[in-house]
N, C-alpha and C. Protein backbone atom coordinates (compact mmCIF):
# COMPACT_ATOMS: atom_id res chain seq x y z
N UNK A 1 22.79 -12.55 3.79
CA UNK A 1 22.34 -12.03 5.08
C UNK A 1 23.51 -12.03 6.05
N UNK A 2 23.50 -11.08 6.93
CA UNK A 2 24.55 -10.95 7.93
C UNK A 2 24.36 -12.03 8.99
N UNK A 3 25.42 -12.79 9.24
CA UNK A 3 25.34 -13.88 10.21
C UNK A 3 25.37 -13.35 11.65
N UNK A 4 26.26 -12.39 11.90
CA UNK A 4 26.33 -11.84 13.25
C UNK A 4 26.58 -10.34 13.17
N UNK A 5 26.11 -9.64 14.17
CA UNK A 5 26.29 -8.20 14.25
C UNK A 5 26.92 -7.89 15.60
N UNK A 6 28.11 -7.30 15.54
CA UNK A 6 28.80 -6.94 16.77
C UNK A 6 28.18 -5.69 17.37
N UNK A 7 27.98 -5.68 18.70
CA UNK A 7 27.49 -4.46 19.33
C UNK A 7 28.55 -3.35 19.19
N UNK A 8 28.09 -2.13 19.12
CA UNK A 8 28.99 -0.99 19.00
C UNK A 8 29.87 -0.91 20.24
N UNK A 9 31.17 -0.82 20.01
CA UNK A 9 32.12 -0.71 21.10
C UNK A 9 33.39 -0.05 20.59
N UNK A 10 34.30 0.33 21.50
CA UNK A 10 35.52 1.02 21.09
C UNK A 10 36.36 0.24 20.07
N UNK A 11 36.36 -1.06 20.17
CA UNK A 11 37.18 -1.86 19.25
C UNK A 11 36.52 -2.09 17.89
N UNK A 12 35.24 -1.71 17.77
CA UNK A 12 34.55 -1.96 16.51
C UNK A 12 33.81 -0.72 15.99
N UNK A 13 34.20 0.44 16.46
CA UNK A 13 33.48 1.65 16.09
C UNK A 13 33.60 2.00 14.61
N UNK A 14 34.61 1.46 13.93
CA UNK A 14 34.78 1.74 12.51
C UNK A 14 34.00 0.78 11.62
N UNK A 15 33.36 -0.20 12.19
CA UNK A 15 32.61 -1.19 11.41
C UNK A 15 31.23 -0.65 11.07
N UNK A 16 30.97 -0.57 9.78
CA UNK A 16 29.67 -0.14 9.27
C UNK A 16 29.15 -1.26 8.38
N UNK A 17 27.91 -1.62 8.55
CA UNK A 17 27.34 -2.73 7.79
C UNK A 17 26.75 -2.24 6.47
N UNK A 18 27.03 -3.00 5.41
CA UNK A 18 26.48 -2.73 4.08
C UNK A 18 25.38 -3.75 3.82
N UNK A 19 24.22 -3.25 3.45
CA UNK A 19 23.05 -4.11 3.22
C UNK A 19 22.62 -3.96 1.77
N UNK A 20 22.50 -5.07 1.07
CA UNK A 20 22.02 -5.03 -0.30
C UNK A 20 20.58 -4.53 -0.35
N UNK A 21 20.28 -3.68 -1.29
CA UNK A 21 18.93 -3.13 -1.41
C UNK A 21 17.91 -4.26 -1.57
N UNK A 22 18.28 -5.32 -2.23
CA UNK A 22 17.36 -6.44 -2.43
C UNK A 22 16.95 -7.10 -1.11
N UNK A 23 17.78 -6.98 -0.07
CA UNK A 23 17.44 -7.57 1.23
C UNK A 23 16.28 -6.83 1.89
N UNK A 24 16.06 -5.58 1.53
CA UNK A 24 14.95 -4.83 2.10
C UNK A 24 13.60 -5.41 1.69
N UNK A 25 13.60 -6.22 0.64
CA UNK A 25 12.36 -6.83 0.15
C UNK A 25 12.08 -8.19 0.80
N UNK A 26 13.07 -8.75 1.50
CA UNK A 26 12.91 -10.07 2.09
C UNK A 26 12.14 -10.00 3.40
N UNK A 27 11.46 -11.08 3.73
CA UNK A 27 10.71 -11.07 4.99
C UNK A 27 11.64 -11.12 6.20
N UNK A 28 12.91 -11.40 6.00
CA UNK A 28 13.88 -11.40 7.09
C UNK A 28 14.42 -10.00 7.41
N UNK A 29 14.08 -9.02 6.56
CA UNK A 29 14.61 -7.68 6.73
C UNK A 29 14.22 -7.06 8.07
N UNK A 30 13.01 -7.21 8.50
CA UNK A 30 12.58 -6.59 9.77
C UNK A 30 13.43 -7.10 10.93
N UNK A 31 13.73 -8.38 10.94
CA UNK A 31 14.55 -8.95 12.00
C UNK A 31 15.99 -8.42 11.92
N UNK A 32 16.53 -8.33 10.72
CA UNK A 32 17.89 -7.81 10.56
C UNK A 32 17.96 -6.34 10.98
N UNK A 33 16.99 -5.57 10.57
CA UNK A 33 16.95 -4.15 10.95
C UNK A 33 16.88 -4.01 12.47
N UNK A 34 16.12 -4.84 13.12
CA UNK A 34 16.02 -4.83 14.58
C UNK A 34 17.35 -5.19 15.22
N UNK A 35 18.04 -6.19 14.67
CA UNK A 35 19.35 -6.58 15.19
C UNK A 35 20.36 -5.45 15.04
N UNK A 36 20.34 -4.76 13.91
CA UNK A 36 21.24 -3.62 13.71
C UNK A 36 20.95 -2.51 14.72
N UNK A 37 19.69 -2.21 14.91
CA UNK A 37 19.30 -1.15 15.85
C UNK A 37 19.66 -1.53 17.29
N UNK A 38 19.42 -2.76 17.66
CA UNK A 38 19.73 -3.23 19.02
C UNK A 38 21.23 -3.14 19.30
N UNK A 39 22.04 -3.37 18.26
CA UNK A 39 23.49 -3.31 18.41
C UNK A 39 24.02 -1.88 18.24
N UNK A 40 23.12 -0.91 18.06
CA UNK A 40 23.50 0.49 17.85
C UNK A 40 24.39 0.67 16.63
N UNK A 41 24.05 -0.05 15.56
CA UNK A 41 24.85 -0.03 14.34
C UNK A 41 24.18 0.74 13.22
N UNK A 42 24.99 1.57 12.55
CA UNK A 42 24.53 2.22 11.33
C UNK A 42 24.72 1.25 10.17
N UNK A 43 23.91 1.42 9.15
CA UNK A 43 24.08 0.60 7.95
C UNK A 43 23.88 1.47 6.73
N UNK A 44 24.49 1.03 5.65
CA UNK A 44 24.39 1.70 4.36
C UNK A 44 23.77 0.71 3.39
N UNK A 45 22.78 1.15 2.67
CA UNK A 45 22.14 0.30 1.67
C UNK A 45 22.88 0.48 0.35
N UNK A 46 23.18 -0.64 -0.32
CA UNK A 46 23.89 -0.61 -1.59
C UNK A 46 23.09 -1.39 -2.63
N UNK A 47 23.20 -0.95 -3.87
CA UNK A 47 22.50 -1.63 -4.94
C UNK A 47 22.91 -1.09 -6.29
N UNK A 48 22.26 -1.60 -7.31
CA UNK A 48 22.59 -1.23 -8.69
C UNK A 48 21.40 -0.54 -9.34
N UNK A 49 21.69 0.58 -10.02
CA UNK A 49 20.65 1.33 -10.73
C UNK A 49 19.47 1.68 -9.81
N UNK A 50 19.77 2.19 -8.64
CA UNK A 50 18.73 2.52 -7.66
C UNK A 50 17.96 3.75 -8.11
N UNK A 51 16.64 3.66 -8.05
CA UNK A 51 15.81 4.82 -8.39
C UNK A 51 15.45 5.56 -7.12
N UNK A 52 14.74 6.66 -7.27
CA UNK A 52 14.38 7.49 -6.13
C UNK A 52 13.56 6.72 -5.10
N UNK A 53 12.66 5.88 -5.56
CA UNK A 53 11.83 5.10 -4.63
C UNK A 53 12.69 4.18 -3.77
N UNK A 54 13.71 3.58 -4.35
CA UNK A 54 14.59 2.69 -3.59
C UNK A 54 15.37 3.47 -2.54
N UNK A 55 15.82 4.67 -2.90
CA UNK A 55 16.57 5.51 -1.96
C UNK A 55 15.66 5.93 -0.80
N UNK A 56 14.45 6.35 -1.12
CA UNK A 56 13.50 6.76 -0.08
C UNK A 56 13.16 5.59 0.84
N UNK A 57 12.95 4.41 0.26
CA UNK A 57 12.66 3.23 1.07
C UNK A 57 13.81 2.93 2.03
N UNK A 58 15.04 3.00 1.53
CA UNK A 58 16.20 2.73 2.37
C UNK A 58 16.30 3.73 3.52
N UNK A 59 16.09 5.00 3.21
CA UNK A 59 16.15 6.03 4.24
C UNK A 59 15.03 5.84 5.26
N UNK A 60 13.85 5.52 4.78
CA UNK A 60 12.72 5.27 5.68
C UNK A 60 13.02 4.11 6.63
N UNK A 61 13.76 3.14 6.14
CA UNK A 61 14.10 1.98 6.96
C UNK A 61 15.31 2.22 7.85
N UNK A 62 15.88 3.43 7.81
CA UNK A 62 16.95 3.79 8.74
C UNK A 62 18.35 3.78 8.20
N UNK A 63 18.52 3.66 6.89
CA UNK A 63 19.87 3.66 6.32
C UNK A 63 20.56 4.99 6.58
N UNK A 64 21.82 4.91 6.94
CA UNK A 64 22.62 6.12 7.12
C UNK A 64 22.86 6.79 5.77
N UNK A 65 23.03 5.98 4.74
CA UNK A 65 23.29 6.49 3.40
C UNK A 65 22.89 5.40 2.41
N UNK A 66 22.87 5.74 1.14
CA UNK A 66 22.54 4.80 0.07
C UNK A 66 23.60 4.97 -1.01
N UNK A 67 24.19 3.85 -1.43
CA UNK A 67 25.23 3.87 -2.46
C UNK A 67 24.81 3.00 -3.63
N UNK A 68 25.15 3.48 -4.81
CA UNK A 68 24.92 2.70 -6.02
C UNK A 68 26.26 2.10 -6.44
N UNK A 69 26.23 0.89 -6.98
CA UNK A 69 27.47 0.25 -7.41
C UNK A 69 28.22 1.09 -8.44
N UNK A 70 27.52 1.98 -9.12
CA UNK A 70 28.15 2.85 -10.12
C UNK A 70 28.84 4.05 -9.50
N UNK A 71 28.61 4.33 -8.23
CA UNK A 71 29.24 5.48 -7.57
C UNK A 71 30.76 5.31 -7.54
N UNK A 72 31.44 6.43 -7.59
CA UNK A 72 32.90 6.43 -7.56
C UNK A 72 33.42 5.90 -6.23
N UNK A 73 34.62 5.36 -6.25
CA UNK A 73 35.24 4.82 -5.04
C UNK A 73 35.34 5.88 -3.94
N UNK A 74 35.59 7.11 -4.32
CA UNK A 74 35.68 8.19 -3.33
C UNK A 74 34.36 8.39 -2.61
N UNK A 75 33.27 8.25 -3.32
CA UNK A 75 31.93 8.38 -2.71
C UNK A 75 31.73 7.27 -1.68
N UNK A 76 32.12 6.04 -2.01
CA UNK A 76 32.00 4.92 -1.08
C UNK A 76 32.86 5.16 0.16
N UNK A 77 34.10 5.55 -0.04
CA UNK A 77 35.02 5.79 1.07
C UNK A 77 34.48 6.87 1.99
N UNK A 78 33.99 7.96 1.40
CA UNK A 78 33.46 9.07 2.19
C UNK A 78 32.22 8.66 2.98
N UNK A 79 31.30 7.95 2.35
CA UNK A 79 30.06 7.54 3.01
C UNK A 79 30.35 6.61 4.20
N UNK A 80 31.23 5.67 4.00
CA UNK A 80 31.56 4.73 5.07
C UNK A 80 32.28 5.44 6.21
N UNK A 81 33.20 6.33 5.88
CA UNK A 81 33.92 7.09 6.91
C UNK A 81 32.97 7.98 7.71
N UNK A 82 32.02 8.63 7.02
CA UNK A 82 31.04 9.49 7.73
C UNK A 82 30.16 8.66 8.65
N UNK A 83 29.73 7.50 8.19
CA UNK A 83 28.89 6.64 9.02
C UNK A 83 29.66 6.17 10.25
N UNK A 84 30.92 5.78 10.07
CA UNK A 84 31.74 5.32 11.19
C UNK A 84 31.97 6.46 12.20
N UNK A 85 32.24 7.65 11.70
CA UNK A 85 32.46 8.80 12.58
C UNK A 85 31.20 9.14 13.36
N UNK A 86 30.05 9.11 12.72
CA UNK A 86 28.79 9.40 13.40
C UNK A 86 28.47 8.33 14.44
N UNK A 87 28.73 7.10 14.07
CA UNK A 87 28.48 5.98 14.98
C UNK A 87 29.35 6.08 16.23
N UNK A 88 30.61 6.51 16.06
CA UNK A 88 31.55 6.62 17.17
C UNK A 88 31.10 7.66 18.19
N UNK A 89 30.28 8.61 17.78
CA UNK A 89 29.79 9.62 18.72
C UNK A 89 28.97 9.01 19.85
N UNK A 90 28.41 7.82 19.63
CA UNK A 90 27.58 7.18 20.64
C UNK A 90 28.39 6.50 21.73
N UNK A 91 29.70 6.44 21.56
CA UNK A 91 30.55 5.78 22.58
C UNK A 91 30.90 6.72 23.70
């Protein structure tokens, strides 16, 4: 679980939080999701062998994107860069 979430600001606009898909099943998820939203932070859900239901659940919960551990490094780099760029628009 994420210990602290920095509010979106000019010095941290490139920070995007990665959330394990398994955390979406925990009862602490609602509080973490609220903390991310309050801090105006985008997050990407990551996991292994994710099926369509897991992707839909992550998107429903507000994930900017969903990555599988099997995805290529370029896919990870692109997804994180896109999330950071979109997040920076709010500044």
